[in-house]
Protein backbone atom coordinates (compact mmCIF):
# COMPACT_ATOMS: atom_id res chain seq x y z
CA MET A 1 79.15 122.14 101.10
CA ASN A 2 80.32 120.09 98.25
CA ASN A 3 79.49 116.53 98.56
CA VAL A 4 80.89 115.26 95.44
CA ILE A 5 83.69 112.65 95.77
CA ASP A 6 85.81 111.95 92.45
CA LEU A 7 86.97 108.43 92.53
CA SER A 8 89.81 109.37 90.10
CA ILE A 9 91.74 111.78 92.23
CA PRO A 10 94.29 110.63 94.78
CA VAL A 11 92.82 109.29 97.97
CA ALA A 12 94.77 111.86 100.25
CA GLU A 13 92.92 114.43 98.28
CA VAL A 14 89.38 113.20 98.78
CA ILE A 15 90.33 112.87 102.62
CA ASP A 16 91.64 116.35 102.69
CA ALA A 17 88.39 117.64 101.25
CA HIS A 18 86.16 115.30 103.07
CA PRO A 19 87.89 114.06 106.38
CA GLU A 20 84.72 112.34 107.48
CA VAL A 21 85.18 109.84 104.67
CA LEU A 22 88.14 108.33 106.25
CA ASP A 23 86.13 106.19 108.53
CA ILE A 24 83.92 104.96 105.55
CA LEU A 25 87.07 104.05 103.42
CA VAL A 26 88.58 101.97 106.46
CA GLU A 27 85.42 100.19 106.96
CA LEU A 28 85.40 99.34 103.19
CA GLY A 29 88.73 97.65 103.49
CA PHE A 30 91.20 100.43 103.02
CA ALA A 31 92.65 99.67 106.43
CA PRO A 32 96.06 101.22 105.60
CA LEU A 33 94.53 104.75 105.18
CA ALA A 34 94.25 104.63 109.06
CA ASN A 35 97.97 105.02 109.26
CA PRO A 36 98.60 108.84 108.56
CA GLN A 37 102.16 107.97 106.99
CA MET A 38 100.29 105.73 104.41
CA ARG A 39 97.78 108.42 103.58
CA GLU A 40 100.77 110.90 102.99
CA THR A 41 102.70 108.56 100.70
CA VAL A 42 100.66 106.11 98.92
CA GLY A 43 97.52 108.03 99.42
CA ARG A 44 99.00 110.94 97.49
CA GLN A 45 99.74 108.66 94.43
CA VAL A 46 96.64 106.20 94.52
CA SER A 47 93.08 107.03 93.53
CA LEU A 48 90.08 105.13 94.99
CA LEU A 49 89.63 103.45 91.58
CA GLN A 50 93.16 102.34 91.57
CA GLY A 51 92.81 101.11 95.38
CA ALA A 52 89.71 99.39 94.59
CA ALA A 53 91.36 97.42 91.83
CA MET A 54 94.35 96.63 94.25
CA HIS A 55 92.19 95.38 96.91
CA GLY A 56 89.49 93.57 94.68
CA LEU A 57 86.69 95.82 95.78
CA PRO A 58 83.80 96.57 93.32
CA ILE A 59 83.40 100.14 92.52
CA GLU A 60 79.72 99.55 92.73
CA LYS A 61 80.05 98.81 96.42
CA ILE A 62 82.25 102.02 97.18
CA GLN A 63 79.75 104.02 95.09
CA SER A 64 76.61 102.71 97.00
CA LEU A 65 78.11 103.22 100.37
CA LEU A 66 79.30 106.86 99.70
CA GLU A 67 75.91 107.60 98.11
CA ALA A 68 74.01 106.06 101.09
CA ASN A 69 76.14 108.53 103.27
CA GLY A 70 75.05 111.58 101.23
CA TYR A 71 77.87 111.92 98.65
CA GLU A 72 77.65 112.25 94.93
CA VAL A 73 80.20 110.03 93.25
CA ALA A 74 82.10 111.19 90.22
CA GLY A 75 85.14 109.92 88.22
CA ILE A 76 83.78 106.71 87.19
CA ASP A 77 84.27 106.20 83.41
């Protein structure tokens, strides 16, 4: 199983590849992702990096939580 999450790709693609990450992202503050319609519209356009900037979430916090859940994080420049 590939446990790499690229923060630079659209959120919907991350969730498609790792459906279990949805709960983690909602817990982090990405509450609109709980709505399937939002995932299919905005989620296809916005990356986790962009979403973090829009919500004022530090990338380090997202990275730490994903790594604590067994994921390798990529896409951070």
